[in-house]
Amino acid sequence: MAQKVAKLGVKREKGYLYFIDKAGDVSCALMARGKKKGGKPKKVAKAGIEKKNGFLYFLDKQGDIACAKLVRGGKKKKAKKK
């Protein structure tokens, strides 16, 4: 399951995509709809978290940063296990 990394309580607006950028801060960009292009990302909250390899970082329902271990599966890996 996911673990909380930082408590920020970010409030979300409709039509925006929220993500954790390379600097470890929360950013948002206007989502593309139909022929309309998306917008440029803008910083929403500064957290400055250090990202670990093999983990997925995301904004949870409470608006906090959470991380979960990446699960990489597939047919080849399952066949190799047997």
N, C-alpha and C. Protein backbone atom coordinates (compact mmCIF):
# COMPACT_ATOMS: atom_id res chain seq x y z
N MET A 1 0.83 -1.19 0.00
CA MET A 1 0.00 0.00 0.00
C MET A 1 0.87 1.25 0.00
N ALA A 2 0.23 2.36 -0.19
CA ALA A 2 0.95 3.64 -0.27
C ALA A 2 1.25 4.19 1.13
N GLN A 3 2.36 4.92 1.20
CA GLN A 3 2.76 5.56 2.46
C GLN A 3 2.81 7.06 2.22
N LYS A 4 2.37 7.83 3.20
CA LYS A 4 2.43 9.29 3.09
C LYS A 4 3.87 9.74 3.25
N VAL A 5 4.29 10.65 2.37
CA VAL A 5 5.65 11.18 2.41
C VAL A 5 5.64 12.58 2.99
N ALA A 6 4.67 13.40 2.57
CA ALA A 6 4.57 14.79 3.05
C ALA A 6 3.10 15.19 3.13
N LYS A 7 2.73 15.87 4.22
CA LYS A 7 1.36 16.35 4.38
C LYS A 7 1.29 17.79 3.91
N LEU A 8 0.52 18.01 2.83
CA LEU A 8 0.40 19.35 2.25
C LEU A 8 -1.03 19.85 2.22
N GLY A 9 -1.99 18.97 2.02
CA GLY A 9 -3.40 19.36 1.95
C GLY A 9 -3.72 20.25 0.77
N VAL A 10 -3.23 19.88 -0.41
CA VAL A 10 -3.45 20.67 -1.63
C VAL A 10 -4.90 20.54 -2.08
N LYS A 11 -5.55 21.67 -2.34
CA LYS A 11 -6.92 21.67 -2.86
C LYS A 11 -6.84 21.62 -4.39
N ARG A 12 -7.62 20.73 -4.99
CA ARG A 12 -7.58 20.54 -6.44
C ARG A 12 -8.68 21.31 -7.15
N GLU A 13 -8.35 21.76 -8.37
CA GLU A 13 -9.34 22.41 -9.24
C GLU A 13 -9.70 21.43 -10.35
N LYS A 14 -10.93 21.52 -10.84
CA LYS A 14 -11.36 20.65 -11.93
C LYS A 14 -10.64 21.02 -13.21
N GLY A 15 -10.31 19.99 -14.03
CA GLY A 15 -9.69 20.22 -15.33
C GLY A 15 -8.18 20.34 -15.27
N TYR A 16 -7.58 20.13 -14.10
CA TYR A 16 -6.13 20.21 -13.96
C TYR A 16 -5.56 18.86 -13.58
N LEU A 17 -4.36 18.58 -14.08
CA LEU A 17 -3.64 17.36 -13.73
C LEU A 17 -2.59 17.73 -12.69
N TYR A 18 -2.63 17.08 -11.55
CA TYR A 18 -1.67 17.34 -10.47
C TYR A 18 -0.65 16.22 -10.42
N PHE A 19 0.62 16.58 -10.27
CA PHE A 19 1.70 15.60 -10.27
C PHE A 19 2.88 16.09 -9.44
N ILE A 20 3.81 15.18 -9.17
CA ILE A 20 5.03 15.51 -8.44
C ILE A 20 6.12 15.71 -9.49
N ASP A 21 6.70 16.90 -9.53
CA ASP A 21 7.70 17.19 -10.56
C ASP A 21 9.08 16.68 -10.16
N LYS A 22 10.07 16.92 -11.02
CA LYS A 22 11.42 16.42 -10.80
C LYS A 22 12.07 16.97 -9.55
N ALA A 23 11.67 18.17 -9.15
CA ALA A 23 12.24 18.80 -7.95
C ALA A 23 11.59 18.27 -6.67
N GLY A 24 10.55 17.43 -6.81
CA GLY A 24 9.87 16.88 -5.65
C GLY A 24 8.78 17.78 -5.11
N ASP A 25 8.33 18.73 -5.93
CA ASP A 25 7.26 19.65 -5.55
C ASP A 25 5.98 19.28 -6.28
N VAL A 26 4.85 19.80 -5.82
CA VAL A 26 3.56 19.53 -6.47
C VAL A 26 3.33 20.58 -7.55
N SER A 27 3.04 20.11 -8.77
CA SER A 27 2.75 21.00 -9.90
C SER A 27 1.42 20.61 -10.50
N CYS A 28 0.84 21.54 -11.27
CA CYS A 28 -0.40 21.22 -11.98
C CYS A 28 -0.34 21.84 -13.37
N ALA A 29 -1.05 21.19 -14.29
CA ALA A 29 -1.14 21.68 -15.66
C ALA A 29 -2.56 21.47 -16.16
N LEU A 30 -3.03 22.38 -17.00
CA LEU A 30 -4.35 22.27 -17.59
C LEU A 30 -4.38 21.05 -18.51
N MET A 31 -5.38 20.18 -18.33
CA MET A 31 -5.47 18.96 -19.13
C MET A 31 -5.97 19.27 -20.54
N ALA A 32 -5.45 18.53 -21.51
CA ALA A 32 -5.88 18.69 -22.89
C ALA A 32 -7.27 18.08 -23.05
N ARG A 33 -8.15 18.78 -23.74
CA ARG A 33 -9.52 18.32 -23.98
C ARG A 33 -9.86 18.50 -25.45
N GLY A 34 -10.12 17.39 -26.14
CA GLY A 34 -10.45 17.46 -27.56
C GLY A 34 -9.28 18.01 -28.36
N LYS A 35 -9.54 19.07 -29.13
CA LYS A 35 -8.47 19.67 -29.93
C LYS A 35 -7.70 20.72 -29.15
N LYS A 36 -8.20 21.09 -27.97
CA LYS A 36 -7.50 22.08 -27.14
C LYS A 36 -6.23 21.46 -26.56
N LYS A 37 -5.16 22.22 -26.57
CA LYS A 37 -3.91 21.74 -26.01
C LYS A 37 -3.89 21.97 -24.50
N GLY A 38 -3.03 21.22 -23.83
CA GLY A 38 -2.86 21.37 -22.38
C GLY A 38 -2.05 22.62 -22.07
N GLY A 39 -2.00 22.97 -20.81
CA GLY A 39 -1.28 24.17 -20.39
C GLY A 39 0.11 23.87 -19.87
N LYS A 40 0.85 24.92 -19.61
CA LYS A 40 2.20 24.77 -19.04
C LYS A 40 2.08 24.48 -17.55
N PRO A 41 2.97 23.64 -17.01
CA PRO A 41 2.89 23.33 -15.58
C PRO A 41 3.24 24.53 -14.71
N LYS A 42 2.55 24.62 -13.57
CA LYS A 42 2.88 25.66 -12.59
C LYS A 42 2.96 25.01 -11.21
N LYS A 43 3.87 25.52 -10.37
CA LYS A 43 4.06 24.96 -9.03
C LYS A 43 2.89 25.35 -8.14
N VAL A 44 2.40 24.37 -7.38
CA VAL A 44 1.28 24.59 -6.48
C VAL A 44 1.77 24.63 -5.04
N ALA A 45 2.67 23.69 -4.69
CA ALA A 45 3.20 23.62 -3.33
C ALA A 45 4.63 23.11 -3.36
N LYS A 46 5.47 23.66 -2.50
CA LYS A 46 6.86 23.22 -2.42
C LYS A 46 6.99 22.17 -1.33
N ALA A 47 7.57 21.04 -1.68
CA ALA A 47 7.80 19.97 -0.71
C ALA A 47 9.27 19.57 -0.71
N GLY A 48 9.89 19.56 -1.90
CA GLY A 48 11.31 19.23 -2.03
C GLY A 48 11.66 17.84 -1.54
N ILE A 49 10.82 16.85 -1.87
CA ILE A 49 11.09 15.48 -1.42
C ILE A 49 12.12 14.82 -2.31
N GLU A 50 12.90 13.91 -1.73
CA GLU A 50 13.89 13.13 -2.48
C GLU A 50 13.18 11.88 -2.99
N LYS A 51 13.18 11.70 -4.31
CA LYS A 51 12.52 10.53 -4.89
C LYS A 51 13.47 9.34 -4.88
N LYS A 52 12.94 8.17 -4.47
CA LYS A 52 13.72 6.93 -4.49
C LYS A 52 13.39 6.18 -5.77
N ASN A 53 14.36 5.46 -6.28
CA ASN A 53 14.18 4.68 -7.50
C ASN A 53 13.25 3.50 -7.22
N GLY A 54 12.37 3.18 -8.16
CA GLY A 54 11.47 2.04 -8.01
C GLY A 54 10.19 2.36 -7.26
N PHE A 55 9.92 3.65 -7.01
CA PHE A 55 8.71 4.07 -6.31
C PHE A 55 7.92 5.05 -7.16
N LEU A 56 6.60 5.00 -7.04
CA LEU A 56 5.69 5.91 -7.73
C LEU A 56 5.23 6.95 -6.73
N TYR A 57 5.40 8.22 -7.06
CA TYR A 57 4.99 9.33 -6.19
C TYR A 57 3.77 10.00 -6.79
N PHE A 58 2.75 10.25 -5.95
CA PHE A 58 1.51 10.83 -6.44
C PHE A 58 0.83 11.65 -5.35
N LEU A 59 -0.18 12.40 -5.75
CA LEU A 59 -0.98 13.20 -4.83
C LEU A 59 -2.21 12.37 -4.45
N ASP A 60 -2.40 12.07 -3.17
CA ASP A 60 -3.54 11.24 -2.76
C ASP A 60 -4.81 12.07 -2.60
N LYS A 61 -5.90 11.43 -2.17
CA LYS A 61 -7.20 12.11 -2.09
C LYS A 61 -7.22 13.25 -1.09
N GLN A 62 -6.37 13.20 -0.08
CA GLN A 62 -6.30 14.27 0.91
C GLN A 62 -5.42 15.43 0.47
N GLY A 63 -4.77 15.30 -0.69
CA GLY A 63 -3.90 16.36 -1.21
C GLY A 63 -2.49 16.28 -0.65
N ASP A 64 -2.12 15.10 -0.13
CA ASP A 64 -0.78 14.89 0.40
C ASP A 64 0.04 14.05 -0.58
N ILE A 65 1.37 14.12 -0.46
CA ILE A 65 2.23 13.31 -1.33
C ILE A 65 2.36 11.92 -0.72
N ALA A 66 2.14 10.91 -1.56
CA ALA A 66 2.26 9.52 -1.13
C ALA A 66 3.13 8.78 -2.13
N CYS A 67 3.70 7.65 -1.68
CA CYS A 67 4.50 6.84 -2.59
C CYS A 67 4.13 5.37 -2.42
N ALA A 68 4.27 4.62 -3.52
CA ALA A 68 4.00 3.19 -3.52
C ALA A 68 5.08 2.51 -4.36
N LYS A 69 5.43 1.29 -3.98
CA LYS A 69 6.45 0.55 -4.71
C LYS A 69 5.91 0.17 -6.08
N LEU A 70 6.72 0.39 -7.11
CA LEU A 70 6.32 0.04 -8.48
C LEU A 70 6.31 -1.47 -8.63
N VAL A 71 5.23 -2.01 -9.20
CA VAL A 71 5.14 -3.44 -9.45
C VAL A 71 5.27 -3.62 -10.95
N ARG A 72 6.34 -4.26 -11.32
CA ARG A 72 6.57 -4.50 -12.75
C ARG A 72 6.38 -5.98 -13.02
N GLY A 73 5.31 -6.32 -13.69
CA GLY A 73 5.01 -7.72 -13.97
C GLY A 73 5.06 -8.00 -15.45
N GLY A 74 4.38 -9.04 -15.86
CA GLY A 74 4.31 -9.40 -17.27
C GLY A 74 4.37 -10.89 -17.46
N LYS A 75 4.08 -11.34 -18.67
CA LYS A 75 4.05 -12.76 -18.99
C LYS A 75 5.43 -13.40 -18.86
N LYS A 76 6.46 -12.70 -19.31
CA LYS A 76 7.81 -13.26 -19.28
C LYS A 76 8.29 -13.51 -17.85
N LYS A 77 8.00 -12.56 -16.95
CA LYS A 77 8.42 -12.72 -15.55
C LYS A 77 7.67 -13.86 -14.87
N LYS A 78 6.37 -13.99 -15.18
CA LYS A 78 5.57 -15.07 -14.59
C LYS A 78 6.06 -16.42 -15.08
N ALA A 79 6.41 -16.51 -16.37
CA ALA A 79 6.90 -17.76 -16.94
C ALA A 79 8.26 -18.13 -16.35
N LYS A 80 9.09 -17.13 -16.07
CA LYS A 80 10.42 -17.37 -15.51
C LYS A 80 10.34 -17.90 -14.08
N LYS A 81 9.32 -17.45 -13.32
CA LYS A 81 9.14 -17.88 -11.93
C LYS A 81 8.84 -19.37 -11.83
N LYS A 82 8.05 -19.88 -12.79
CA LYS A 82 7.62 -21.29 -12.75
C LYS A 82 8.70 -22.24 -13.08
